[in-house]
All heavy atoms as atom14 arrays in JSON, in Angstrom:
{
  "sequence": "VFLSEAFTRPKKLLHLAKLGFSQSYGYFTWKNEAWEITQWLEEFLAPD",
  "atom14_mask": [
    [1, 1, 1, 1, 1, 1, 1, 0, 0, 0, 0, 0, 0, 0],
    [1, 1, 1, 1, 1, 1, 1, 1, 1, 1, 1, 0, 0, 0],
    [1, 1, 1, 1, 1, 1, 1, 1, 0, 0, 0, 0, 0, 0],
    [1, 1, 1, 1, 1, 1, 0, 0, 0, 0, 0, 0, 0, 0],
    [1, 1, 1, 1, 1, 1, 1, 1, 1, 0, 0, 0, 0, 0],
    [1, 1, 1, 1, 1, 0, 0, 0, 0, 0, 0, 0, 0, 0],
    [1, 1, 1, 1, 1, 1, 1, 1, 1, 1, 1, 0, 0, 0],
    [1, 1, 1, 1, 1, 1, 1, 0, 0, 0, 0, 0, 0, 0],
    [1, 1, 1, 1, 1, 1, 1, 1, 1, 1, 1, 0, 0, 0],
    [1, 1, 1, 1, 1, 1, 1, 0, 0, 0, 0, 0, 0, 0],
    [1, 1, 1, 1, 1, 1, 1, 1, 1, 0, 0, 0, 0, 0],
    [1, 1, 1, 1, 1, 1, 1, 1, 1, 0, 0, 0, 0, 0],
    [1, 1, 1, 1, 1, 1, 1, 1, 0, 0, 0, 0, 0, 0],
    [1, 1, 1, 1, 1, 1, 1, 1, 0, 0, 0, 0, 0, 0],
    [1, 1, 1, 1, 1, 1, 1, 1, 1, 1, 0, 0, 0, 0],
    [1, 1, 1, 1, 1, 1, 1, 1, 0, 0, 0, 0, 0, 0],
    [1, 1, 1, 1, 1, 0, 0, 0, 0, 0, 0, 0, 0, 0],
    [1, 1, 1, 1, 1, 1, 1, 1, 1, 0, 0, 0, 0, 0],
    [1, 1, 1, 1, 1, 1, 1, 1, 0, 0, 0, 0, 0, 0],
    [1, 1, 1, 1, 0, 0, 0, 0, 0, 0, 0, 0, 0, 0],
    [1, 1, 1, 1, 1, 1, 1, 1, 1, 1, 1, 0, 0, 0],
    [1, 1, 1, 1, 1, 1, 0, 0, 0, 0, 0, 0, 0, 0],
    [1, 1, 1, 1, 1, 1, 1, 1, 1, 0, 0, 0, 0, 0],
    [1, 1, 1, 1, 1, 1, 0, 0, 0, 0, 0, 0, 0, 0],
    [1, 1, 1, 1, 1, 1, 1, 1, 1, 1, 1, 1, 0, 0],
    [1, 1, 1, 1, 0, 0, 0, 0, 0, 0, 0, 0, 0, 0],
    [1, 1, 1, 1, 1, 1, 1, 1, 1, 1, 1, 1, 0, 0],
    [1, 1, 1, 1, 1, 1, 1, 1, 1, 1, 1, 0, 0, 0],
    [1, 1, 1, 1, 1, 1, 1, 0, 0, 0, 0, 0, 0, 0],
    [1, 1, 1, 1, 1, 1, 1, 1, 1, 1, 1, 1, 1, 1],
    [1, 1, 1, 1, 1, 1, 1, 1, 1, 0, 0, 0, 0, 0],
    [1, 1, 1, 1, 1, 1, 1, 1, 0, 0, 0, 0, 0, 0],
    [1, 1, 1, 1, 1, 1, 1, 1, 1, 0, 0, 0, 0, 0],
    [1, 1, 1, 1, 1, 0, 0, 0, 0, 0, 0, 0, 0, 0],
    [1, 1, 1, 1, 1, 1, 1, 1, 1, 1, 1, 1, 1, 1],
    [1, 1, 1, 1, 1, 1, 1, 1, 1, 0, 0, 0, 0, 0],
    [1, 1, 1, 1, 1, 1, 1, 1, 0, 0, 0, 0, 0, 0],
    [1, 1, 1, 1, 1, 1, 1, 0, 0, 0, 0, 0, 0, 0],
    [1, 1, 1, 1, 1, 1, 1, 1, 1, 0, 0, 0, 0, 0],
    [1, 1, 1, 1, 1, 1, 1, 1, 1, 1, 1, 1, 1, 1],
    [1, 1, 1, 1, 1, 1, 1, 1, 0, 0, 0, 0, 0, 0],
    [1, 1, 1, 1, 1, 1, 1, 1, 1, 0, 0, 0, 0, 0],
    [1, 1, 1, 1, 1, 1, 1, 1, 1, 0, 0, 0, 0, 0],
    [1, 1, 1, 1, 1, 1, 1, 1, 1, 1, 1, 0, 0, 0],
    [1, 1, 1, 1, 1, 1, 1, 1, 0, 0, 0, 0, 0, 0],
    [1, 1, 1, 1, 1, 0, 0, 0, 0, 0, 0, 0, 0, 0],
    [1, 1, 1, 1, 1, 1, 1, 0, 0, 0, 0, 0, 0, 0],
    [1, 1, 1, 1, 1, 1, 1, 1, 0, 0, 0, 0, 0, 0]
  ],
  "atom14_positions": [
    [[-17.53, 16.09, -17.26], [-16.69, 15.31, -16.16], [-17.37, 13.95, -16.1], [-18.59, 13.86, -16.1], [-16.7, 16.06, -14.89], [-16.11, 15.17, -13.8], [-15.93, 17.34, -15.01], [0.0, 0.0, 0.0], [0.0, 0.0, 0.0], [0.0, 0.0, 0.0], [0.0, 0.0, 0.0], [0.0, 0.0, 0.0], [0.0, 0.0, 0.0], [0.0, 0.0, 0.0]],
    [[-16.64, 12.86, -16.1], [-16.97, 11.45, -15.89], [-16.4, 10.85, -14.6], [-15.17, 10.89, -14.41], [-16.57, 10.67, -17.09], [-17.2, 10.97, -18.38], [-16.87, 11.85, -19.24], [-18.46, 10.3, -18.73], [-17.21, 12.1, -20.39], [-19.07, 10.55, -20.05], [-18.52, 11.51, -20.85], [0.0, 0.0, 0.0], [0.0, 0.0, 0.0], [0.0, 0.0, 0.0]],
    [[-17.31, 10.48, -13.73], [-16.98, 9.81, -12.55], [-17.2, 8.19, -12.66], [-18.23, 7.86, -13.06], [-17.77, 10.29, -11.33], [-17.78, 9.42, -10.02], [-16.38, 9.3, -9.51], [-18.64, 10.04, -8.99], [0.0, 0.0, 0.0], [0.0, 0.0, 0.0], [0.0, 0.0, 0.0], [0.0, 0.0, 0.0], [0.0, 0.0, 0.0], [0.0, 0.0, 0.0]],
    [[-16.29, 7.42, -12.46], [-16.27, 5.99, -12.69], [-16.71, 5.32, -11.35], [-15.96, 5.53, -10.35], [-15.0, 5.51, -13.12], [-14.82, 4.16, -12.95], [0.0, 0.0, 0.0], [0.0, 0.0, 0.0], [0.0, 0.0, 0.0], [0.0, 0.0, 0.0], [0.0, 0.0, 0.0], [0.0, 0.0, 0.0], [0.0, 0.0, 0.0], [0.0, 0.0, 0.0]],
    [[-17.73, 4.54, -11.43], [-18.12, 3.84, -10.09], [-17.57, 2.42, -10.41], [-18.27, 1.37, -10.75], [-19.61, 3.75, -10.05], [-20.08, 3.12, -8.73], [-21.08, 1.88, -8.82], [-21.35, 1.49, -10.05], [-21.65, 1.38, -7.92], [0.0, 0.0, 0.0], [0.0, 0.0, 0.0], [0.0, 0.0, 0.0], [0.0, 0.0, 0.0], [0.0, 0.0, 0.0]],
    [[-16.21, 2.31, -10.25], [-15.52, 1.06, -10.58], [-15.07, 0.32, -9.32], [-13.82, 0.51, -8.93], [-14.44, 1.22, -11.52], [0.0, 0.0, 0.0], [0.0, 0.0, 0.0], [0.0, 0.0, 0.0], [0.0, 0.0, 0.0], [0.0, 0.0, 0.0], [0.0, 0.0, 0.0], [0.0, 0.0, 0.0], [0.0, 0.0, 0.0], [0.0, 0.0, 0.0]],
    [[-15.93, -0.32, -8.71], [-15.55, -1.07, -7.44], [-15.01, -2.41, -7.97], [-15.71, -3.46, -7.96], [-16.7, -1.35, -6.51], [-17.17, 0.03, -5.89], [-18.45, 0.48, -5.94], [-16.25, 0.77, -5.13], [-18.79, 1.7, -5.37], [-16.72, 1.99, -4.45], [-17.96, 2.37, -4.66], [0.0, 0.0, 0.0], [0.0, 0.0, 0.0], [0.0, 0.0, 0.0]],
    [[-13.73, -2.42, -8.34], [-13.21, -3.53, -8.92], [-11.63, -3.64, -8.55], [-11.2, -2.74, -7.77], [-13.29, -3.47, -10.48], [-12.84, -4.65, -11.1], [-12.64, -2.35, -11.16], [0.0, 0.0, 0.0], [0.0, 0.0, 0.0], [0.0, 0.0, 0.0], [0.0, 0.0, 0.0], [0.0, 0.0, 0.0], [0.0, 0.0, 0.0], [0.0, 0.0, 0.0]],
    [[-10.92, -4.48, -9.16], [-9.63, -4.69, -8.93], [-8.74, -3.51, -9.27], [-9.15, -2.84, -10.35], [-8.98, -5.99, -9.6], [-9.59, -7.17, -8.96], [-8.98, -8.46, -9.46], [-8.98, -8.63, -10.82], [-9.99, -9.21, -11.5], [-11.05, -9.68, -10.78], [-9.96, -9.39, -12.78], [0.0, 0.0, 0.0], [0.0, 0.0, 0.0], [0.0, 0.0, 0.0]],
    [[-7.7, -3.1, -8.66], [-6.93, -1.84, -8.94], [-6.65, -1.67, -10.39], [-6.64, -0.57, -10.93], [-5.7, -2.0, -8.06], [-6.12, -2.83, -6.88], [-7.06, -3.81, -7.54], [0.0, 0.0, 0.0], [0.0, 0.0, 0.0], [0.0, 0.0, 0.0], [0.0, 0.0, 0.0], [0.0, 0.0, 0.0], [0.0, 0.0, 0.0], [0.0, 0.0, 0.0]],
    [[-6.05, -2.7, -11.16], [-5.64, -2.56, -12.53], [-6.76, -2.11, -13.36], [-6.56, -1.35, -14.29], [-4.97, -3.79, -12.94], [-3.54, -4.07, -12.27], [-2.78, -5.21, -12.88], [-1.44, -5.37, -12.3], [-0.67, -6.55, -12.85], [0.0, 0.0, 0.0], [0.0, 0.0, 0.0], [0.0, 0.0, 0.0], [0.0, 0.0, 0.0], [0.0, 0.0, 0.0]],
    [[-7.98, -2.72, -13.22], [-9.15, -2.28, -13.95], [-9.58, -0.81, -13.69], [-9.8, -0.04, -14.46], [-10.21, -3.32, -13.82], [-10.13, -4.66, -14.41], [-11.44, -5.48, -14.2], [-11.32, -6.78, -14.84], [-12.61, -7.49, -14.75], [0.0, 0.0, 0.0], [0.0, 0.0, 0.0], [0.0, 0.0, 0.0], [0.0, 0.0, 0.0], [0.0, 0.0, 0.0]],
    [[-9.64, -0.63, -12.38], [-9.92, 0.77, -11.96], [-8.98, 1.91, -12.61], [-9.45, 2.88, -13.07], [-9.92, 0.75, -10.42], [-10.44, 2.08, -9.69], [-10.82, 1.76, -8.22], [-9.32, 3.21, -9.71], [0.0, 0.0, 0.0], [0.0, 0.0, 0.0], [0.0, 0.0, 0.0], [0.0, 0.0, 0.0], [0.0, 0.0, 0.0], [0.0, 0.0, 0.0]],
    [[-7.76, 1.56, -12.43], [-6.74, 2.53, -12.96], [-6.73, 2.62, -14.5], [-6.48, 3.66, -15.11], [-5.29, 2.17, -12.4], [-5.12, 2.33, -10.93], [-3.69, 1.81, -10.55], [-5.27, 3.75, -10.59], [0.0, 0.0, 0.0], [0.0, 0.0, 0.0], [0.0, 0.0, 0.0], [0.0, 0.0, 0.0], [0.0, 0.0, 0.0], [0.0, 0.0, 0.0]],
    [[-7.06, 1.5, -15.21], [-7.05, 1.54, -16.66], [-8.24, 2.44, -17.08], [-8.14, 3.18, -18.08], [-7.14, 0.22, -17.2], [-6.99, 0.14, -18.77], [-5.75, 0.43, -19.31], [-7.81, -0.09, -19.72], [-5.85, 0.36, -20.67], [-7.06, -0.04, -20.94], [0.0, 0.0, 0.0], [0.0, 0.0, 0.0], [0.0, 0.0, 0.0], [0.0, 0.0, 0.0]],
    [[-9.24, 2.26, -16.48], [-10.48, 3.19, -16.82], [-10.03, 4.69, -16.57], [-10.56, 5.53, -17.37], [-11.67, 2.89, -15.86], [-12.42, 1.58, -16.3], [-13.25, 1.14, -15.16], [-13.19, 1.69, -17.57], [0.0, 0.0, 0.0], [0.0, 0.0, 0.0], [0.0, 0.0, 0.0], [0.0, 0.0, 0.0], [0.0, 0.0, 0.0], [0.0, 0.0, 0.0]],
    [[-9.37, 4.96, -15.51], [-8.89, 6.36, -15.39], [-7.94, 6.75, -16.56], [-8.04, 7.99, -17.08], [-8.1, 6.49, -14.12], [0.0, 0.0, 0.0], [0.0, 0.0, 0.0], [0.0, 0.0, 0.0], [0.0, 0.0, 0.0], [0.0, 0.0, 0.0], [0.0, 0.0, 0.0], [0.0, 0.0, 0.0], [0.0, 0.0, 0.0], [0.0, 0.0, 0.0]],
    [[-7.08, 5.79, -17.06], [-6.31, 6.24, -18.24], [-7.09, 6.45, -19.45], [-6.71, 7.33, -20.28], [-5.33, 5.08, -18.45], [-4.29, 4.9, -17.35], [-3.32, 3.6, -17.7], [-2.31, 3.34, -16.59], [-1.61, 2.09, -16.85], [0.0, 0.0, 0.0], [0.0, 0.0, 0.0], [0.0, 0.0, 0.0], [0.0, 0.0, 0.0], [0.0, 0.0, 0.0]],
    [[-8.16, 5.72, -19.53], [-8.98, 5.93, -20.85], [-9.86, 7.23, -20.92], [-10.36, 7.62, -21.99], [-10.07, 4.79, -20.94], [-9.44, 3.32, -20.97], [-10.5, 2.29, -21.13], [-8.49, 3.26, -22.29], [0.0, 0.0, 0.0], [0.0, 0.0, 0.0], [0.0, 0.0, 0.0], [0.0, 0.0, 0.0], [0.0, 0.0, 0.0], [0.0, 0.0, 0.0]],
    [[-9.92, 8.0, -19.66], [-10.54, 9.28, -19.83], [-11.5, 9.56, -18.69], [-11.99, 10.73, -18.64], [0.0, 0.0, 0.0], [0.0, 0.0, 0.0], [0.0, 0.0, 0.0], [0.0, 0.0, 0.0], [0.0, 0.0, 0.0], [0.0, 0.0, 0.0], [0.0, 0.0, 0.0], [0.0, 0.0, 0.0], [0.0, 0.0, 0.0], [0.0, 0.0, 0.0]],
    [[-11.68, 8.72, -17.83], [-12.58, 9.0, -16.66], [-11.88, 10.07, -15.76], [-10.68, 9.94, -15.44], [-12.94, 7.79, -15.73], [-14.02, 7.04, -16.37], [-13.84, 5.96, -17.21], [-15.33, 7.34, -16.04], [-14.83, 5.2, -17.84], [-16.5, 6.61, -16.63], [-16.12, 5.47, -17.46], [0.0, 0.0, 0.0], [0.0, 0.0, 0.0], [0.0, 0.0, 0.0]],
    [[-12.55, 11.09, -15.43], [-11.98, 12.31, -14.69], [-11.7, 11.79, -13.25], [-10.72, 12.33, -12.62], [-13.0, 13.43, -14.61], [-13.54, 13.65, -15.94], [0.0, 0.0, 0.0], [0.0, 0.0, 0.0], [0.0, 0.0, 0.0], [0.0, 0.0, 0.0], [0.0, 0.0, 0.0], [0.0, 0.0, 0.0], [0.0, 0.0, 0.0], [0.0, 0.0, 0.0]],
    [[-12.68, 11.09, -12.6], [-12.55, 10.67, -11.14], [-12.95, 9.15, -11.09], [-13.51, 8.63, -12.02], [-13.57, 11.56, -10.33], [-13.52, 12.98, -10.62], [-14.71, 13.66, -9.99], [-15.42, 13.05, -9.24], [-14.72, 14.95, -10.3], [0.0, 0.0, 0.0], [0.0, 0.0, 0.0], [0.0, 0.0, 0.0], [0.0, 0.0, 0.0], [0.0, 0.0, 0.0]],
    [[-12.67, 8.57, -9.92], [-12.95, 7.2, -9.82], [-13.43, 6.99, -8.15], [-12.83, 7.54, -7.35], [-11.85, 6.28, -9.99], [-11.34, 6.33, -11.29], [0.0, 0.0, 0.0], [0.0, 0.0, 0.0], [0.0, 0.0, 0.0], [0.0, 0.0, 0.0], [0.0, 0.0, 0.0], [0.0, 0.0, 0.0], [0.0, 0.0, 0.0], [0.0, 0.0, 0.0]],
    [[-14.52, 6.35, -8.06], [-14.79, 5.76, -6.66], [-13.54, 4.82, -6.36], [-12.89, 4.32, -7.17], [-16.08, 4.88, -6.6], [-17.33, 5.57, -6.68], [-17.67, 6.33, -7.72], [-18.31, 5.35, -5.51], [-18.98, 6.95, -7.74], [-19.48, 5.98, -5.65], [-19.83, 6.81, -6.56], [-21.06, 7.31, -6.56], [0.0, 0.0, 0.0], [0.0, 0.0, 0.0]],
    [[-13.4, 4.66, -5.06], [-12.3, 3.75, -4.66], [-12.77, 2.93, -3.49], [-13.87, 2.55, -3.4], [0.0, 0.0, 0.0], [0.0, 0.0, 0.0], [0.0, 0.0, 0.0], [0.0, 0.0, 0.0], [0.0, 0.0, 0.0], [0.0, 0.0, 0.0], [0.0, 0.0, 0.0], [0.0, 0.0, 0.0], [0.0, 0.0, 0.0], [0.0, 0.0, 0.0]],
    [[-11.95, 2.52, -2.7], [-12.14, 1.6, -1.54], [-12.24, 2.21, -0.17], [-12.12, 1.7, 0.81], [-11.06, 0.49, -1.52], [-10.68, -0.05, -2.93], [-9.37, 0.11, -3.31], [-11.54, -0.54, -3.83], [-9.05, -0.37, -4.6], [-11.32, -0.96, -5.05], [-9.99, -0.93, -5.49], [-9.61, -1.31, -6.73], [0.0, 0.0, 0.0], [0.0, 0.0, 0.0]],
    [[-12.46, 3.58, -0.37], [-12.4, 4.32, 0.89], [-13.42, 3.81, 2.13], [-12.95, 3.76, 3.2], [-12.66, 5.82, 0.68], [-12.93, 6.72, 1.99], [-11.77, 7.09, 2.69], [-14.18, 7.16, 2.4], [-11.94, 7.84, 3.68], [-14.31, 7.88, 3.53], [-13.18, 8.29, 4.22], [0.0, 0.0, 0.0], [0.0, 0.0, 0.0], [0.0, 0.0, 0.0]],
    [[-14.5, 3.5, 1.66], [-15.55, 3.11, 2.67], [-15.18, 1.82, 3.43], [-15.6, 1.6, 4.53], [-16.9, 2.79, 2.02], [-16.79, 1.98, 0.95], [-17.51, 4.18, 1.51], [0.0, 0.0, 0.0], [0.0, 0.0, 0.0], [0.0, 0.0, 0.0], [0.0, 0.0, 0.0], [0.0, 0.0, 0.0], [0.0, 0.0, 0.0], [0.0, 0.0, 0.0]],
    [[-14.25, 1.01, 2.84], [-13.73, -0.11, 3.42], [-12.44, -0.09, 4.25], [-11.89, -1.08, 4.67], [-13.63, -1.32, 2.43], [-14.97, -1.62, 1.93], [-16.07, -2.46, 2.53], [-15.58, -1.37, 0.54], [-17.08, -2.5, 1.63], [-16.84, -1.83, 0.41], [-15.0, -0.52, -0.43], [-17.59, -1.66, -0.74], [-15.78, -0.43, -1.56], [-17.04, -0.91, -1.62]],
    [[-11.88, 1.16, 4.2], [-10.61, 1.39, 4.89], [-10.81, 2.14, 6.17], [-11.02, 3.38, 6.14], [-9.65, 2.13, 3.94], [-9.48, 1.54, 2.59], [-8.87, 0.07, 2.69], [-8.66, -0.63, 1.24], [-8.25, -1.96, 1.32], [0.0, 0.0, 0.0], [0.0, 0.0, 0.0], [0.0, 0.0, 0.0], [0.0, 0.0, 0.0], [0.0, 0.0, 0.0]],
    [[-10.8, 1.46, 7.16], [-10.99, 2.09, 8.54], [-9.81, 2.06, 9.52], [-9.96, 2.77, 10.51], [-12.26, 1.48, 9.18], [-13.5, 1.77, 8.31], [-14.05, 2.71, 8.38], [-13.86, 0.85, 7.42], [0.0, 0.0, 0.0], [0.0, 0.0, 0.0], [0.0, 0.0, 0.0], [0.0, 0.0, 0.0], [0.0, 0.0, 0.0], [0.0, 0.0, 0.0]],
    [[-8.9, 1.22, 9.41], [-7.76, 1.15, 10.18], [-6.62, 1.97, 9.62], [-6.5, 2.13, 8.54], [-7.26, -0.33, 10.39], [-8.34, -1.09, 11.0], [-8.72, -0.93, 12.39], [-7.83, -0.43, 13.07], [-9.78, -1.28, 12.86], [0.0, 0.0, 0.0], [0.0, 0.0, 0.0], [0.0, 0.0, 0.0], [0.0, 0.0, 0.0], [0.0, 0.0, 0.0]],
    [[-5.74, 2.48, 10.51], [-4.58, 3.38, 10.02], [-3.71, 2.65, 8.97], [-3.39, 3.22, 7.98], [-3.78, 3.7, 11.24], [0.0, 0.0, 0.0], [0.0, 0.0, 0.0], [0.0, 0.0, 0.0], [0.0, 0.0, 0.0], [0.0, 0.0, 0.0], [0.0, 0.0, 0.0], [0.0, 0.0, 0.0], [0.0, 0.0, 0.0], [0.0, 0.0, 0.0]],
    [[-3.49, 1.36, 9.25], [-2.54, 0.64, 8.37], [-3.22, 0.5, 7.02], [-2.57, 0.5, 5.89], [-2.05, -0.67, 8.92], [-3.19, -1.74, 9.05], [-4.02, -1.97, 10.16], [-3.61, -2.58, 8.01], [-4.86, -3.01, 9.84], [-4.57, -3.49, 8.56], [-3.07, -2.76, 6.7], [-5.28, -4.45, 7.87], [-3.77, -3.91, 6.0], [-4.77, -4.65, 6.64]],
    [[-4.66, 0.25, 6.95], [-5.3, 0.02, 5.84], [-5.31, 1.25, 4.96], [-5.12, 1.33, 3.76], [-6.74, -0.38, 6.08], [-6.98, -1.76, 6.73], [-8.4, -1.92, 6.98], [-9.15, -0.99, 7.55], [-8.92, -2.95, 6.53], [0.0, 0.0, 0.0], [0.0, 0.0, 0.0], [0.0, 0.0, 0.0], [0.0, 0.0, 0.0], [0.0, 0.0, 0.0]],
    [[-5.63, 2.45, 5.69], [-5.63, 3.72, 4.91], [-4.35, 4.05, 4.37], [-4.3, 4.44, 3.19], [-6.21, 4.79, 5.89], [-7.61, 4.45, 6.32], [-6.05, 6.14, 5.24], [-8.13, 5.43, 7.46], [0.0, 0.0, 0.0], [0.0, 0.0, 0.0], [0.0, 0.0, 0.0], [0.0, 0.0, 0.0], [0.0, 0.0, 0.0], [0.0, 0.0, 0.0]],
    [[-3.25, 3.96, 4.97], [-1.97, 4.29, 4.82], [-1.57, 3.39, 3.56], [-1.12, 3.96, 2.5], [-0.97, 4.17, 5.92], [-1.4, 5.03, 6.89], [0.45, 4.59, 5.43], [0.0, 0.0, 0.0], [0.0, 0.0, 0.0], [0.0, 0.0, 0.0], [0.0, 0.0, 0.0], [0.0, 0.0, 0.0], [0.0, 0.0, 0.0], [0.0, 0.0, 0.0]],
    [[-1.7, 2.08, 3.59], [-1.15, 1.23, 2.7], [-1.94, 1.42, 1.36], [-1.25, 1.54, 0.23], [-1.31, -0.14, 3.14], [-0.74, -1.23, 2.1], [-1.03, -2.69, 2.72], [-2.1, -3.19, 2.59], [0.06, -3.23, 3.27], [0.0, 0.0, 0.0], [0.0, 0.0, 0.0], [0.0, 0.0, 0.0], [0.0, 0.0, 0.0], [0.0, 0.0, 0.0]],
    [[-3.17, 1.67, 1.4], [-4.0, 1.82, 0.17], [-3.69, 3.12, -0.53], [-3.34, 3.19, -1.7], [-5.53, 1.74, 0.62], [-6.48, 2.38, -0.47], [-6.65, 1.99, -1.76], [-7.32, 3.47, -0.11], [-7.58, 2.85, -2.34], [-7.96, 3.73, -1.43], [-7.62, 4.16, 0.95], [-8.86, 4.75, -1.51], [-8.58, 5.2, 0.83], [-9.29, 5.47, -0.41]],
    [[-3.6, 4.2, 0.25], [-3.45, 5.55, -0.36], [-1.98, 5.67, -0.91], [-1.77, 6.44, -1.96], [-3.77, 6.58, 0.58], [-5.22, 7.01, 0.66], [-5.55, 8.01, 1.69], [-5.67, 7.48, -0.79], [0.0, 0.0, 0.0], [0.0, 0.0, 0.0], [0.0, 0.0, 0.0], [0.0, 0.0, 0.0], [0.0, 0.0, 0.0], [0.0, 0.0, 0.0]],
    [[-1.04, 5.14, -0.21], [0.3, 5.18, -0.72], [0.4, 4.56, -2.14], [1.21, 4.97, -2.96], [1.35, 4.74, 0.33], [1.53, 5.68, 1.47], [2.49, 5.12, 2.52], [2.8, 3.92, 2.5], [2.93, 5.89, 3.39], [0.0, 0.0, 0.0], [0.0, 0.0, 0.0], [0.0, 0.0, 0.0], [0.0, 0.0, 0.0], [0.0, 0.0, 0.0]],
    [[-0.35, 3.47, -2.3], [-0.26, 2.83, -3.57], [-1.0, 3.81, -4.72], [-0.37, 3.96, -5.81], [-1.13, 1.51, -3.54], [-1.26, 0.85, -4.85], [-2.1, -0.41, -4.82], [-2.44, -0.9, -3.56], [-2.44, -1.01, -5.8], [0.0, 0.0, 0.0], [0.0, 0.0, 0.0], [0.0, 0.0, 0.0], [0.0, 0.0, 0.0], [0.0, 0.0, 0.0]],
    [[-2.21, 4.39, -4.29], [-2.84, 5.22, -5.26], [-2.27, 6.58, -5.47], [-2.82, 7.3, -6.36], [-4.43, 5.16, -4.99], [-5.11, 3.93, -5.43], [-5.01, 2.77, -4.8], [-5.8, 3.97, -6.77], [-5.63, 1.6, -5.29], [-6.4, 2.9, -7.15], [-6.39, 1.71, -6.46], [0.0, 0.0, 0.0], [0.0, 0.0, 0.0], [0.0, 0.0, 0.0]],
    [[-1.37, 7.01, -4.55], [-0.83, 8.33, -4.62], [0.58, 8.29, -5.07], [1.29, 9.27, -5.02], [-1.01, 8.98, -3.31], [-2.35, 9.43, -2.8], [-2.28, 10.0, -1.42], [-3.07, 10.31, -3.83], [0.0, 0.0, 0.0], [0.0, 0.0, 0.0], [0.0, 0.0, 0.0], [0.0, 0.0, 0.0], [0.0, 0.0, 0.0], [0.0, 0.0, 0.0]],
    [[0.95, 7.03, -5.73], [2.32, 7.11, -6.31], [2.38, 8.02, -7.32], [1.4, 8.49, -8.1], [2.57, 5.58, -6.88], [0.0, 0.0, 0.0], [0.0, 0.0, 0.0], [0.0, 0.0, 0.0], [0.0, 0.0, 0.0], [0.0, 0.0, 0.0], [0.0, 0.0, 0.0], [0.0, 0.0, 0.0], [0.0, 0.0, 0.0], [0.0, 0.0, 0.0]],
    [[3.66, 8.78, -7.53], [3.61, 9.88, -8.51], [3.28, 9.58, -9.88], [2.56, 10.41, -10.56], [5.2, 10.15, -8.49], [5.67, 9.77, -7.22], [4.88, 8.5, -6.81], [0.0, 0.0, 0.0], [0.0, 0.0, 0.0], [0.0, 0.0, 0.0], [0.0, 0.0, 0.0], [0.0, 0.0, 0.0], [0.0, 0.0, 0.0], [0.0, 0.0, 0.0]],
    [[3.45, 8.3, -10.46], [2.99, 7.96, -11.68], [1.44, 7.79, -11.75], [0.89, 8.1, -12.88], [3.68, 6.72, -12.17], [3.38, 5.49, -11.37], [3.34, 5.74, -10.12], [3.34, 4.36, -11.87], [0.0, 0.0, 0.0], [0.0, 0.0, 0.0], [0.0, 0.0, 0.0], [0.0, 0.0, 0.0], [0.0, 0.0, 0.0], [0.0, 0.0, 0.0]]
  ]
}
């Protein structure tokens, strides 16, 4: 299993996931308001 510590822009982070990384760090630690959490996760939980 490979975990990517990619604190970077979304397109780079997601491309690393496509290349084979099993998991990725994300921006969770910086998302503390309801609108921040919702907006961020709805982007990263899109079906594709």
